Amino acid sequence: MSGGVWYSYYDAKEIHGSGPGKIDIDHLVPLAEVHDSGGHSWSPERRKRYANDLDSDTTLVAVSARSNRQKADKDPAEWMPIPAARCQYLGEWVETKLRWGLSVDPAERDALLNYAADCPNTTLTYEPAA
């Protein structure tokens, strides 16, 4: 990444240029969450494929460094983007979990169902990871 204008949908910010402290590439479903949701039993090769998944538009997302720091390793029960981005975020969260065959815990499930009530027209599309 060098220059240009980047759009961080988590917080609806345009970021001009690049460099430390401006933009991060975020694992939408954080690596710690993957581990806790079934990834702990994956082979090293499968972990590497997830960490570098360029075959999906949702596994890795460019976002402002600030929003990525706020999100950290949290799931939707603990953190959500701005209201205007929630349906996209929830859909991509669920798509990523389905793509990689990951589980959800009870608090995460409750949050997903609660927020999804405001997203009646969200369509999920994903290809299972190899």
C-alpha atoms as a PDB file:
ATOM      1  CA  MET A   1       0.000   0.000   0.000  1.00  0.00           C
ATOM      2  CA  SER A   2       1.484   3.291  -0.990  1.00  0.00           C
ATOM      3  CA  GLY A   3      -0.602   6.387  -1.312  1.00  0.00           C
ATOM      4  CA  GLY A   4      -4.055   6.805  -2.717  1.00  0.00           C
ATOM      5  CA  VAL A   5      -7.313   7.117  -0.838  1.00  0.00           C
ATOM      6  CA  TRP A   6      -8.547   4.198   1.259  1.00  0.00           C
ATOM      7  CA  TYR A   7     -12.066   3.854   2.673  1.00  0.00           C
ATOM      8  CA  SER A   8     -12.499   2.253   6.091  1.00  0.00           C
ATOM      9  CA  TYR A   9     -16.075   1.018   6.281  1.00  0.00           C
ATOM     10  CA  TYR A  10     -15.850   0.221  10.014  1.00  0.00           C
ATOM     11  CA  ASP A  11     -15.882   3.956  10.789  1.00  0.00           C
ATOM     12  CA  ALA A  12     -16.709   5.577   7.396  1.00  0.00           C
ATOM     13  CA  LYS A  13     -13.326   7.294   7.205  1.00  0.00           C
ATOM     14  CA  GLU A  14     -11.375   8.184   4.095  1.00  0.00           C
ATOM     15  CA  ILE A  15      -7.674   7.754   4.651  1.00  0.00           C
ATOM     16  CA  HIS A  16      -5.321   9.662   2.381  1.00  0.00           C
ATOM     17  CA  GLY A  17      -1.937   8.104   1.826  1.00  0.00           C
ATOM     18  CA  SER A  18      -0.585   5.196   3.780  1.00  0.00           C
ATOM     19  CA  GLY A  19       1.966   4.482   6.405  1.00  0.00           C
ATOM     20  CA  PRO A  20       2.153   3.649  10.082  1.00  0.00           C
ATOM     21  CA  GLY A  21      -0.914   4.605  12.052  1.00  0.00           C
ATOM     22  CA  LYS A  22      -3.163   5.245   9.066  1.00  0.00           C
ATOM     23  CA  ILE A  23      -4.505   1.982   7.683  1.00  0.00           C
ATOM     24  CA  ASP A  24      -4.408  -1.651   8.749  1.00  0.00           C
ATOM     25  CA  ILE A  25      -5.305  -4.870   7.013  1.00  0.00           C
ATOM     26  CA  ASP A  26      -7.654  -6.498   9.495  1.00  0.00           C
ATOM     27  CA  HIS A  27      -8.615 -10.148   9.835  1.00  0.00           C
ATOM     28  CA  LEU A  28     -12.367  -9.564   9.983  1.00  0.00           C
ATOM     29  CA  VAL A  29     -12.625 -12.616  12.240  1.00  0.00           C
ATOM     30  CA  PRO A  30      -9.509 -12.118  14.384  1.00  0.00           C
ATOM     31  CA  LEU A  31      -6.892 -14.855  14.635  1.00  0.00           C
ATOM     32  CA  ALA A  32      -7.591 -15.328  18.363  1.00  0.00           C
ATOM     33  CA  GLU A  33     -11.307 -15.728  17.592  1.00  0.00           C
ATOM     34  CA  VAL A  34     -10.483 -18.281  14.885  1.00  0.00           C
ATOM     35  CA  HIS A  35      -8.417 -20.223  17.404  1.00  0.00           C
ATOM     36  CA  ASP A  36     -11.262 -20.163  19.954  1.00  0.00           C
ATOM     37  CA  SER A  37     -13.854 -21.127  17.306  1.00  0.00           C
ATOM     38  CA  GLY A  38     -12.211 -24.329  16.112  1.00  0.00           C
ATOM     39  CA  GLY A  39      -9.004 -23.144  14.462  1.00  0.00           C
ATOM     40  CA  HIS A  40      -6.960 -24.559  17.345  1.00  0.00           C
ATOM     41  CA  SER A  41      -7.294 -27.990  15.744  1.00  0.00           C
ATOM     42  CA  TRP A  42      -6.244 -26.843  12.262  1.00  0.00           C
ATOM     43  CA  SER A  43      -3.016 -27.881  10.648  1.00  0.00           C
ATOM     44  CA  PRO A  44      -0.290 -25.248  10.358  1.00  0.00           C
ATOM     45  CA  GLU A  45      -0.970 -25.090   6.607  1.00  0.00           C
ATOM     46  CA  ARG A  46      -4.697 -24.355   7.115  1.00  0.00           C
ATOM     47  CA  ARG A  47      -3.856 -21.636   9.677  1.00  0.00           C
ATOM     48  CA  LYS A  48      -1.494 -20.089   7.150  1.00  0.00           C
ATOM     49  CA  ARG A  49      -4.193 -20.223   4.437  1.00  0.00           C
ATOM     50  CA  TYR A  50      -6.637 -18.417   6.722  1.00  0.00           C
ATOM     51  CA  ALA A  51      -4.106 -15.790   7.778  1.00  0.00           C
ATOM     52  CA  ASN A  52      -3.371 -15.007   4.117  1.00  0.00           C
ATOM     53  CA  ASP A  53      -6.799 -15.650   2.561  1.00  0.00           C
ATOM     54  CA  LEU A  54      -6.835 -13.618  -0.642  1.00  0.00           C
ATOM     55  CA  ASP A  55      -9.517 -15.808  -2.234  1.00  0.00           C
ATOM     56  CA  SER A  56     -12.267 -14.021  -0.311  1.00  0.00           C
ATOM     57  CA  ASP A  57     -13.136 -10.339  -0.269  1.00  0.00           C
ATOM     58  CA  THR A  58     -14.164 -10.538   3.380  1.00  0.00           C
ATOM     59  CA  THR A  59     -11.466 -12.370   5.341  1.00  0.00           C
ATOM     60  CA  LEU A  60      -9.006  -9.468   5.138  1.00  0.00           C
ATOM     61  CA  VAL A  61     -10.255  -5.878   5.033  1.00  0.00           C
ATOM     62  CA  ALA A  62      -8.493  -2.513   4.843  1.00  0.00           C
ATOM     63  CA  VAL A  63      -9.655  -0.327   7.729  1.00  0.00           C
ATOM     64  CA  SER A  64      -8.413   2.642   9.698  1.00  0.00           C
ATOM     65  CA  ALA A  65      -5.726   1.751  12.204  1.00  0.00           C
ATOM     66  CA  ARG A  66      -7.833   3.396  14.913  1.00  0.00           C
ATOM     67  CA  SER A  67     -10.906   1.218  14.256  1.00  0.00           C
ATOM     68  CA  ASN A  68      -8.760  -1.906  14.041  1.00  0.00           C
ATOM     69  CA  ARG A  69      -7.185  -1.115  17.435  1.00  0.00           C
ATOM     70  CA  GLN A  70     -10.640  -0.610  18.937  1.00  0.00           C
ATOM     71  CA  LYS A  71     -11.886  -3.905  17.517  1.00  0.00           C
ATOM     72  CA  ALA A  72      -8.738  -5.863  18.418  1.00  0.00           C
ATOM     73  CA  ASP A  73      -9.654  -9.541  19.029  1.00  0.00           C
ATOM     74  CA  LYS A  74     -13.302  -8.849  19.845  1.00  0.00           C
ATOM     75  CA  ASP A  75     -16.313 -10.601  18.359  1.00  0.00           C
ATOM     76  CA  PRO A  76     -19.726  -8.973  17.657  1.00  0.00           C
ATOM     77  CA  ALA A  77     -20.794  -9.463  21.287  1.00  0.00           C
ATOM     78  CA  GLU A  78     -17.966  -7.134  22.320  1.00  0.00           C
ATOM     79  CA  TRP A  79     -17.510  -4.700  19.414  1.00  0.00           C
ATOM     80  CA  MET A  80     -19.450  -3.397  16.437  1.00  0.00           C
ATOM     81  CA  PRO A  81     -18.606  -0.821  13.757  1.00  0.00           C
ATOM     82  CA  ILE A  82     -20.681   2.319  13.265  1.00  0.00           C
ATOM     83  CA  PRO A  83     -24.419   1.641  12.780  1.00  0.00           C
ATOM     84  CA  ALA A  84     -24.284   2.291   9.015  1.00  0.00           C
ATOM     85  CA  ALA A  85     -21.716  -0.525   8.614  1.00  0.00           C
ATOM     86  CA  ARG A  86     -23.269  -3.130  10.883  1.00  0.00           C
ATOM     87  CA  CYS A  87     -25.206  -5.146   8.318  1.00  0.00           C
ATOM     88  CA  GLN A  88     -22.183  -5.422   6.031  1.00  0.00           C
ATOM     89  CA  TYR A  89     -19.952  -6.349   8.981  1.00  0.00           C
ATOM     90  CA  LEU A  90     -22.372  -8.965  10.329  1.00  0.00           C
ATOM     91  CA  GLY A  91     -22.842 -10.521   6.901  1.00  0.00           C
ATOM     92  CA  GLU A  92     -19.102 -10.701   6.312  1.00  0.00           C
ATOM     93  CA  TRP A  93     -18.526 -12.078   9.836  1.00  0.00           C
ATOM     94  CA  VAL A  94     -21.014 -14.900   9.248  1.00  0.00           C
ATOM     95  CA  GLU A  95     -19.723 -15.550   5.714  1.00  0.00           C
ATOM     96  CA  THR A  96     -16.181 -15.871   7.049  1.00  0.00           C
ATOM     97  CA  LYS A  97     -17.243 -18.170   9.875  1.00  0.00           C
ATOM     98  CA  LEU A  98     -19.171 -20.356   7.411  1.00  0.00           C
ATOM     99  CA  ARG A  99     -16.378 -20.283   4.820  1.00  0.00           C
ATOM    100  CA  TRP A 100     -13.893 -21.639   7.347  1.00  0.00           C
ATOM    101  CA  GLY A 101     -16.280 -23.940   9.274  1.00  0.00           C
ATOM    102  CA  LEU A 102     -15.908 -22.013  12.524  1.00  0.00           C
ATOM    103  CA  SER A 103     -18.268 -22.158  15.490  1.00  0.00           C
ATOM    104  CA  VAL A 104     -19.955 -19.358  17.414  1.00  0.00           C
ATOM    105  CA  ASP A 105     -20.218 -19.103  21.187  1.00  0.00           C
ATOM    106  CA  PRO A 106     -23.535 -18.277  22.933  1.00  0.00           C
ATOM    107  CA  ALA A 107     -22.804 -14.559  23.496  1.00  0.00           C
ATOM    108  CA  GLU A 108     -21.641 -14.164  19.899  1.00  0.00           C
ATOM    109  CA  ARG A 109     -24.741 -15.987  18.618  1.00  0.00           C
ATOM    110  CA  ASP A 110     -27.059 -13.765  20.676  1.00  0.00           C
ATOM    111  CA  ALA A 111     -25.337 -10.623  19.392  1.00  0.00           C
ATOM    112  CA  LEU A 112     -25.496 -11.821  15.784  1.00  0.00           C
ATOM    113  CA  LEU A 113     -29.213 -12.576  16.068  1.00  0.00           C
ATOM    114  CA  ASN A 114     -29.936  -9.303  17.852  1.00  0.00           C
ATOM    115  CA  TYR A 115     -28.124  -7.120  15.316  1.00  0.00           C
ATOM    116  CA  ALA A 116     -29.306  -9.176  12.327  1.00  0.00           C
ATOM    117  CA  ALA A 117     -32.900  -8.201  13.103  1.00  0.00           C
ATOM    118  CA  ASP A 118     -31.998  -4.799  11.602  1.00  0.00           C
ATOM    119  CA  CYS A 119     -30.623  -6.402   8.414  1.00  0.00           C
ATOM    120  CA  PRO A 120     -33.611  -8.069   6.719  1.00  0.00           C
ATOM    121  CA  ASN A 121     -32.236  -7.835   3.173  1.00  0.00           C
ATOM    122  CA  THR A 122     -28.717  -9.094   3.786  1.00  0.00           C
ATOM    123  CA  THR A 123     -27.732 -11.969   1.512  1.00  0.00           C
ATOM    124  CA  LEU A 124     -24.834 -14.209   2.462  1.00  0.00           C
ATOM    125  CA  THR A 125     -22.559 -15.595  -0.230  1.00  0.00           C
ATOM    126  CA  TYR A 126     -19.446 -17.641   0.430  1.00  0.00           C
ATOM    127  CA  GLU A 127     -17.328 -20.437  -0.960  1.00  0.00           C
ATOM    128  CA  PRO A 128     -16.116 -23.009   1.568  1.00  0.00           C
ATOM    129  CA  ALA A 129     -12.357 -22.736   2.039  1.00  0.00           C
ATOM    130  CA  ALA A 130     -10.323 -25.577   0.608  1.00  0.00           C
END
